[in-house]
Amino acid sequence: MKSTPYKIGFDFDGVIVDTTRLKQRLAKELHNVSIPEEKCKEYMVVEGNYLTREQYRALMALVCGDPHIGIQAVEIPGSTAMLRALQKRGDQIKIVTSRSGTEIDVIHAWLAERGLSVECVSVGYGKDKVAAVEGFDVYVDDDLPKLLPLVGRIPTLILFSQPHNKGVTVPDDVVRVASWDELIRAARVGETNDT
């Protein structure tokens, strides 16, 4: 059993918060378009002709970068309580995100509203997360393409299930979980350091 603190990285959107309802609401308000929950990822929205790439990016700028809108993102059940517990135990946790600039400020505001302070590392939109998670024990994301470059580099890779990734086949090197309880069991980070 590991006796030192874990180094754990978490994606923000789709792991800690769910922005799906915000995307759906804004797509309806701004473009009179209804996007199904399982299609709320950029490539699905564009391929499904719900919005153009430019419309989707503008919508995401509001969801992620407007503090009045972004703060409304819904917590994925159990995320803030478990982040708090991991911090209390002494684990090193970081949010590794594609968000940047003012979008990071929105993350910090969202966390602060819930009594949390977590270091955020921005890799930038469309970039991989390899360098940002170097030396981590665990990394969790809801996008399999962001996990695949980490295979063989990070001991435990976890795909957090969301409607958009339900049909994705997960390789043996990646564990799929559907909740924070499952995530903690899969990562084996809920263990105490006493044994």
C-alpha atoms as a PDB file:
ATOM      1  CA  MET A   1       0.000   0.000   0.000  1.00  0.00           C
ATOM      2  CA  LYS A   2       1.256   3.481  -0.840  1.00  0.00           C
ATOM      3  CA  SER A   3       2.565   5.288   2.236  1.00  0.00           C
ATOM      4  CA  THR A   4       3.239   8.707   0.703  1.00  0.00           C
ATOM      5  CA  PRO A   5       0.642  11.213  -0.468  1.00  0.00           C
ATOM      6  CA  TYR A   6      -0.846  10.627  -3.893  1.00  0.00           C
ATOM      7  CA  LYS A   7      -0.444  13.062  -6.778  1.00  0.00           C
ATOM      8  CA  ILE A   8      -3.835  13.184  -8.449  1.00  0.00           C
ATOM      9  CA  GLY A   9      -4.975  15.203 -11.443  1.00  0.00           C
ATOM     10  CA  PHE A  10      -8.568  15.915 -12.321  1.00  0.00           C
ATOM     11  CA  ASP A  11     -10.135  17.474 -15.372  1.00  0.00           C
ATOM     12  CA  PHE A  12     -12.691  20.089 -14.294  1.00  0.00           C
ATOM     13  CA  ASP A  13     -15.533  19.929 -16.818  1.00  0.00           C
ATOM     14  CA  GLY A  14     -17.186  16.519 -16.807  1.00  0.00           C
ATOM     15  CA  VAL A  15     -15.386  15.305 -13.680  1.00  0.00           C
ATOM     16  CA  ILE A  16     -15.910  17.974 -11.010  1.00  0.00           C
ATOM     17  CA  VAL A  17     -18.673  20.011 -12.662  1.00  0.00           C
ATOM     18  CA  ASP A  18     -21.358  19.271 -15.221  1.00  0.00           C
ATOM     19  CA  THR A  19     -21.830  22.103 -17.724  1.00  0.00           C
ATOM     20  CA  THR A  20     -24.255  20.182 -19.936  1.00  0.00           C
ATOM     21  CA  ARG A  21     -27.391  21.987 -18.741  1.00  0.00           C
ATOM     22  CA  LEU A  22     -25.710  25.371 -19.181  1.00  0.00           C
ATOM     23  CA  LYS A  23     -24.720  24.466 -22.764  1.00  0.00           C
ATOM     24  CA  GLN A  24     -28.231  23.226 -23.519  1.00  0.00           C
ATOM     25  CA  ARG A  25     -29.868  26.329 -22.021  1.00  0.00           C
ATOM     26  CA  LEU A  26     -27.599  28.756 -23.882  1.00  0.00           C
ATOM     27  CA  ALA A  27     -27.939  26.873 -27.190  1.00  0.00           C
ATOM     28  CA  LYS A  28     -31.713  27.198 -26.852  1.00  0.00           C
ATOM     29  CA  GLU A  29     -31.613  30.866 -25.782  1.00  0.00           C
ATOM     30  CA  LEU A  30     -29.020  32.036 -28.318  1.00  0.00           C
ATOM     31  CA  HIS A  31     -29.723  29.787 -31.313  1.00  0.00           C
ATOM     32  CA  ASN A  32     -33.097  28.146 -30.637  1.00  0.00           C
ATOM     33  CA  VAL A  33     -31.389  24.755 -30.843  1.00  0.00           C
ATOM     34  CA  SER A  34     -32.008  21.763 -28.592  1.00  0.00           C
ATOM     35  CA  ILE A  35     -28.868  19.683 -28.121  1.00  0.00           C
ATOM     36  CA  PRO A  36     -29.390  16.214 -26.640  1.00  0.00           C
ATOM     37  CA  GLU A  37     -27.454  15.549 -23.432  1.00  0.00           C
ATOM     38  CA  GLU A  38     -25.365  12.805 -25.024  1.00  0.00           C
ATOM     39  CA  LYS A  39     -24.314  15.134 -27.879  1.00  0.00           C
ATOM     40  CA  CYS A  40     -22.970  18.059 -25.838  1.00  0.00           C
ATOM     41  CA  LYS A  41     -19.318  17.758 -26.911  1.00  0.00           C
ATOM     42  CA  GLU A  42     -17.923  20.058 -29.580  1.00  0.00           C
ATOM     43  CA  TYR A  43     -17.296  17.476 -32.288  1.00  0.00           C
ATOM     44  CA  MET A  44     -20.767  15.962 -31.747  1.00  0.00           C
ATOM     45  CA  VAL A  45     -22.486  19.348 -31.838  1.00  0.00           C
ATOM     46  CA  VAL A  46     -20.695  20.326 -35.050  1.00  0.00           C
ATOM     47  CA  GLU A  47     -21.024  16.923 -36.772  1.00  0.00           C
ATOM     48  CA  GLY A  48     -24.712  16.826 -35.821  1.00  0.00           C
ATOM     49  CA  ASN A  49     -25.240  20.286 -37.340  1.00  0.00           C
ATOM     50  CA  TYR A  50     -26.653  21.654 -34.113  1.00  0.00           C
ATOM     51  CA  LEU A  51     -24.206  24.585 -34.167  1.00  0.00           C
ATOM     52  CA  THR A  52     -21.194  25.661 -36.188  1.00  0.00           C
ATOM     53  CA  ARG A  53     -17.782  25.337 -34.560  1.00  0.00           C
ATOM     54  CA  GLU A  54     -17.689  29.124 -34.144  1.00  0.00           C
ATOM     55  CA  GLN A  55     -21.134  29.160 -32.487  1.00  0.00           C
ATOM     56  CA  TYR A  56     -20.107  26.347 -30.139  1.00  0.00           C
ATOM     57  CA  ARG A  57     -16.828  28.061 -29.191  1.00  0.00           C
ATOM     58  CA  ALA A  58     -18.728  31.313 -28.481  1.00  0.00           C
ATOM     59  CA  LEU A  59     -21.221  29.373 -26.349  1.00  0.00           C
ATOM     60  CA  MET A  60     -18.345  27.733 -24.432  1.00  0.00           C
ATOM     61  CA  ALA A  61     -16.707  31.128 -23.893  1.00  0.00           C
ATOM     62  CA  LEU A  62     -19.856  32.069 -21.966  1.00  0.00           C
ATOM     63  CA  VAL A  63     -20.173  28.747 -20.113  1.00  0.00           C
ATOM     64  CA  CYS A  64     -16.528  28.689 -19.060  1.00  0.00           C
ATOM     65  CA  GLY A  65     -15.488  32.348 -19.073  1.00  0.00           C
ATOM     66  CA  ASP A  66     -18.468  34.412 -17.939  1.00  0.00           C
ATOM     67  CA  PRO A  67     -18.368  34.438 -14.127  1.00  0.00           C
ATOM     68  CA  HIS A  68     -22.125  34.947 -13.814  1.00  0.00           C
ATOM     69  CA  ILE A  69     -22.855  31.947 -16.024  1.00  0.00           C
ATOM     70  CA  GLY A  70     -19.927  29.675 -15.175  1.00  0.00           C
ATOM     71  CA  ILE A  71     -20.610  29.792 -11.447  1.00  0.00           C
ATOM     72  CA  GLN A  72     -23.959  28.105 -12.188  1.00  0.00           C
ATOM     73  CA  ALA A  73     -22.279  24.852 -13.279  1.00  0.00           C
ATOM     74  CA  VAL A  74     -23.680  21.921 -11.323  1.00  0.00           C
ATOM     75  CA  GLU A  75     -21.411  19.891  -9.071  1.00  0.00           C
ATOM     76  CA  ILE A  76     -20.972  16.280 -10.053  1.00  0.00           C
ATOM     77  CA  PRO A  77     -22.271  14.532  -6.911  1.00  0.00           C
ATOM     78  CA  GLY A  78     -19.515  13.857  -4.403  1.00  0.00           C
ATOM     79  CA  SER A  79     -16.763  15.801  -6.169  1.00  0.00           C
ATOM     80  CA  THR A  80     -16.256  18.670  -3.730  1.00  0.00           C
ATOM     81  CA  ALA A  81     -16.570  16.488  -0.627  1.00  0.00           C
ATOM     82  CA  MET A  82     -13.982  14.064  -1.964  1.00  0.00           C
ATOM     83  CA  LEU A  83     -11.598  16.823  -3.084  1.00  0.00           C
ATOM     84  CA  ARG A  84     -11.833  18.257   0.414  1.00  0.00           C
ATOM     85  CA  ALA A  85     -11.156  14.828   1.973  1.00  0.00           C
ATOM     86  CA  LEU A  86      -8.154  14.204  -0.285  1.00  0.00           C
ATOM     87  CA  GLN A  87      -6.687  17.597   0.591  1.00  0.00           C
ATOM     88  CA  LYS A  88      -7.234  16.988   4.283  1.00  0.00           C
ATOM     89  CA  ARG A  89      -5.427  13.686   4.005  1.00  0.00           C
ATOM     90  CA  GLY A  90      -2.447  15.434   2.426  1.00  0.00           C
ATOM     91  CA  ASP A  91      -2.715  14.272  -1.161  1.00  0.00           C
ATOM     92  CA  GLN A  92      -1.457  16.650  -3.842  1.00  0.00           C
ATOM     93  CA  ILE A  93      -4.376  17.410  -6.128  1.00  0.00           C
ATOM     94  CA  LYS A  94      -4.459  19.570  -9.223  1.00  0.00           C
ATOM     95  CA  ILE A  95      -7.054  20.465 -11.766  1.00  0.00           C
ATOM     96  CA  VAL A  96      -5.599  20.046 -15.246  1.00  0.00           C
ATOM     97  CA  THR A  97      -7.818  21.782 -17.760  1.00  0.00           C
ATOM     98  CA  SER A  98      -8.016  23.086 -21.294  1.00  0.00           C
ATOM     99  CA  ARG A  99      -9.563  26.255 -19.904  1.00  0.00           C
ATOM    100  CA  SER A 100      -7.327  29.331 -19.843  1.00  0.00           C
ATOM    101  CA  GLY A 101      -7.287  33.015 -18.903  1.00  0.00           C
ATOM    102  CA  THR A 102     -10.486  34.214 -17.272  1.00  0.00           C
ATOM    103  CA  GLU A 103     -11.870  30.676 -17.523  1.00  0.00           C
ATOM    104  CA  ILE A 104      -9.394  29.687 -14.786  1.00  0.00           C
ATOM    105  CA  ASP A 105     -10.743  32.554 -12.664  1.00  0.00           C
ATOM    106  CA  VAL A 106     -14.225  31.058 -13.055  1.00  0.00           C
ATOM    107  CA  ILE A 107     -12.930  27.676 -11.826  1.00  0.00           C
ATOM    108  CA  HIS A 108     -11.350  29.332  -8.785  1.00  0.00           C
ATOM    109  CA  ALA A 109     -14.572  31.275  -8.061  1.00  0.00           C
ATOM    110  CA  TRP A 110     -16.670  28.106  -8.386  1.00  0.00           C
ATOM    111  CA  LEU A 111     -14.375  26.241  -5.987  1.00  0.00           C
ATOM    112  CA  ALA A 112     -14.166  29.157  -3.535  1.00  0.00           C
ATOM    113  CA  GLU A 113     -17.959  29.316  -3.367  1.00  0.00           C
ATOM    114  CA  ARG A 114     -17.753  25.735  -2.079  1.00  0.00           C
ATOM    115  CA  GLY A 115     -14.901  26.409   0.358  1.00  0.00           C
ATOM    116  CA  LEU A 116     -12.156  24.855  -1.782  1.00  0.00           C
ATOM    117  CA  SER A 117      -8.857  26.061  -3.152  1.00  0.00           C
ATOM    118  CA  VAL A 118      -7.196  23.779  -5.688  1.00  0.00           C
ATOM    119  CA  GLU A 119      -4.248  24.539  -7.955  1.00  0.00           C
ATOM    120  CA  CYS A 120      -5.267  24.733 -11.610  1.00  0.00           C
ATOM    121  CA  VAL A 121      -2.956  24.021 -14.511  1.00  0.00           C
ATOM    122  CA  SER A 122      -4.042  25.217 -17.949  1.00  0.00           C
ATOM    123  CA  VAL A 123      -2.759  23.301 -20.957  1.00  0.00           C
ATOM    124  CA  GLY A 124      -4.755  25.395 -23.420  1.00  0.00           C
ATOM    125  CA  TYR A 125      -7.524  24.458 -25.805  1.00  0.00           C
ATOM    126  CA  GLY A 126      -6.817  21.460 -28.017  1.00  0.00           C
ATOM    127  CA  LYS A 127      -3.505  20.595 -26.336  1.00  0.00           C
ATOM    128  CA  ASP A 128      -2.565  17.319 -24.640  1.00  0.00           C
ATOM    129  CA  LYS A 129      -2.020  17.055 -20.896  1.00  0.00           C
ATOM    130  CA  VAL A 130       1.143  14.914 -20.891  1.00  0.00           C
ATOM    131  CA  ALA A 131       3.579  17.503 -19.455  1.00  0.00           C
ATOM    132  CA  ALA A 132       1.000  18.831 -16.970  1.00  0.00           C
ATOM    133  CA  VAL A 133       0.488  15.436 -15.296  1.00  0.00           C
ATOM    134  CA  GLU A 134       4.085  14.201 -15.379  1.00  0.00           C
ATOM    135  CA  GLY A 135       4.816  12.265 -12.187  1.00  0.00           C
ATOM    136  CA  PHE A 136       1.171  11.902 -11.137  1.00  0.00           C
ATOM    137  CA  ASP A 137      -0.151   8.643  -9.687  1.00  0.00           C
ATOM    138  CA  VAL A 138      -3.695   9.105 -11.014  1.00  0.00           C
ATOM    139  CA  TYR A 139      -5.355  11.211 -13.696  1.00  0.00           C
ATOM    140  CA  VAL A 140      -9.126  11.461 -14.273  1.00  0.00           C
ATOM    141  CA  ASP A 141     -10.848  12.886 -17.367  1.00  0.00           C
ATOM    142  CA  ASP A 142     -14.161  12.427 -19.161  1.00  0.00           C
ATOM    143  CA  ASP A 143     -12.548  12.521 -22.616  1.00  0.00           C
ATOM    144  CA  LEU A 144     -10.812   9.302 -23.649  1.00  0.00           C
ATOM    145  CA  PRO A 145      -8.686  11.082 -26.306  1.00  0.00           C
ATOM    146  CA  LYS A 146      -7.116  13.126 -23.491  1.00  0.00           C
ATOM    147  CA  LEU A 147      -6.284   9.958 -21.534  1.00  0.00           C
ATOM    148  CA  LEU A 148      -4.776   7.900 -24.363  1.00  0.00           C
ATOM    149  CA  PRO A 149      -1.485   9.878 -24.632  1.00  0.00           C
ATOM    150  CA  LEU A 150      -0.976   9.178 -20.905  1.00  0.00           C
ATOM    151  CA  VAL A 151      -1.078   5.378 -21.215  1.00  0.00           C
ATOM    152  CA  GLY A 152       2.195   3.991 -19.875  1.00  0.00           C
ATOM    153  CA  ARG A 153       3.073   7.332 -18.283  1.00  0.00           C
ATOM    154  CA  ILE A 154       0.542   7.556 -15.436  1.00  0.00           C
ATOM    155  CA  PRO A 155      -0.077   4.412 -13.342  1.00  0.00           C
ATOM    156  CA  THR A 156      -3.840   4.882 -12.995  1.00  0.00           C
ATOM    157  CA  LEU A 157      -5.961   6.464 -15.720  1.00  0.00           C
ATOM    158  CA  ILE A 158      -9.679   6.878 -15.135  1.00  0.00           C
ATOM    159  CA  LEU A 159     -12.430   7.760 -17.598  1.00  0.00           C
ATOM    160  CA  PHE A 160     -15.347   9.415 -15.819  1.00  0.00           C
ATOM    161  CA  SER A 161     -18.537   8.255 -17.539  1.00  0.00           C
ATOM    162  CA  GLN A 162     -20.740  10.906 -19.041  1.00  0.00           C
ATOM    163  CA  PRO A 163     -23.546  10.594 -21.595  1.00  0.00           C
ATOM    164  CA  HIS A 164     -21.194  11.704 -24.410  1.00  0.00           C
ATOM    165  CA  ASN A 165     -18.713   8.856 -23.781  1.00  0.00           C
ATOM    166  CA  LYS A 166     -21.076   5.951 -23.004  1.00  0.00           C
ATOM    167  CA  GLY A 167     -20.458   4.252 -26.352  1.00  0.00           C
ATOM    168  CA  VAL A 168     -16.686   4.606 -26.268  1.00  0.00           C
ATOM    169  CA  THR A 169     -14.677   1.391 -25.951  1.00  0.00           C
ATOM    170  CA  VAL A 170     -12.174   1.778 -23.128  1.00  0.00           C
ATOM    171  CA  PRO A 171      -8.762   0.096 -23.442  1.00  0.00           C
ATOM    172  CA  ASP A 172      -7.461  -2.145 -20.652  1.00  0.00           C
ATOM    173  CA  ASP A 173      -5.092   0.601 -19.452  1.00  0.00           C
ATOM    174  CA  VAL A 174      -8.021   2.884 -18.581  1.00  0.00           C
ATOM    175  CA  VAL A 175     -10.665   2.273 -15.907  1.00  0.00           C
ATOM    176  CA  ARG A 176     -14.209   3.581 -16.483  1.00  0.00           C
ATOM    177  CA  VAL A 177     -16.154   4.855 -13.465  1.00  0.00           C
ATOM    178  CA  ALA A 178     -19.661   6.280 -13.165  1.00  0.00           C
ATOM    179  CA  SER A 179     -19.413   8.105  -9.821  1.00  0.00           C
ATOM    180  CA  TRP A 180     -16.979   9.626  -7.371  1.00  0.00           C
ATOM    181  CA  ASP A 181     -17.430   6.620  -5.073  1.00  0.00           C
ATOM    182  CA  GLU A 182     -16.363   4.319  -7.910  1.00  0.00           C
ATOM    183  CA  LEU A 183     -13.554   6.706  -8.814  1.00  0.00           C
ATOM    184  CA  ILE A 184     -12.037   6.566  -5.343  1.00  0.00           C
ATOM    185  CA  ARG A 185     -12.246   2.765  -5.262  1.00  0.00           C
ATOM    186  CA  ALA A 186     -10.710   2.461  -8.739  1.00  0.00           C
ATOM    187  CA  ALA A 187      -7.882   4.847  -7.932  1.00  0.00           C
ATOM    188  CA  ARG A 188      -7.305   3.243  -4.539  1.00  0.00           C
ATOM    189  CA  VAL A 189      -6.857   6.762  -3.164  1.00  0.00           C
ATOM    190  CA  GLY A 190      -9.425   6.318  -0.412  1.00  0.00           C
ATOM    191  CA  GLU A 191      -7.015   4.111   1.504  1.00  0.00           C
ATOM    192  CA  THR A 192      -5.422   5.361   4.670  1.00  0.00           C
ATOM    193  CA  ASN A 193      -1.669   5.621   4.958  1.00  0.00           C
ATOM    194  CA  ASP A 194      -1.690   3.798   8.329  1.00  0.00           C
ATOM    195  CA  THR A 195      -1.150   0.251   7.060  1.00  0.00           C
END
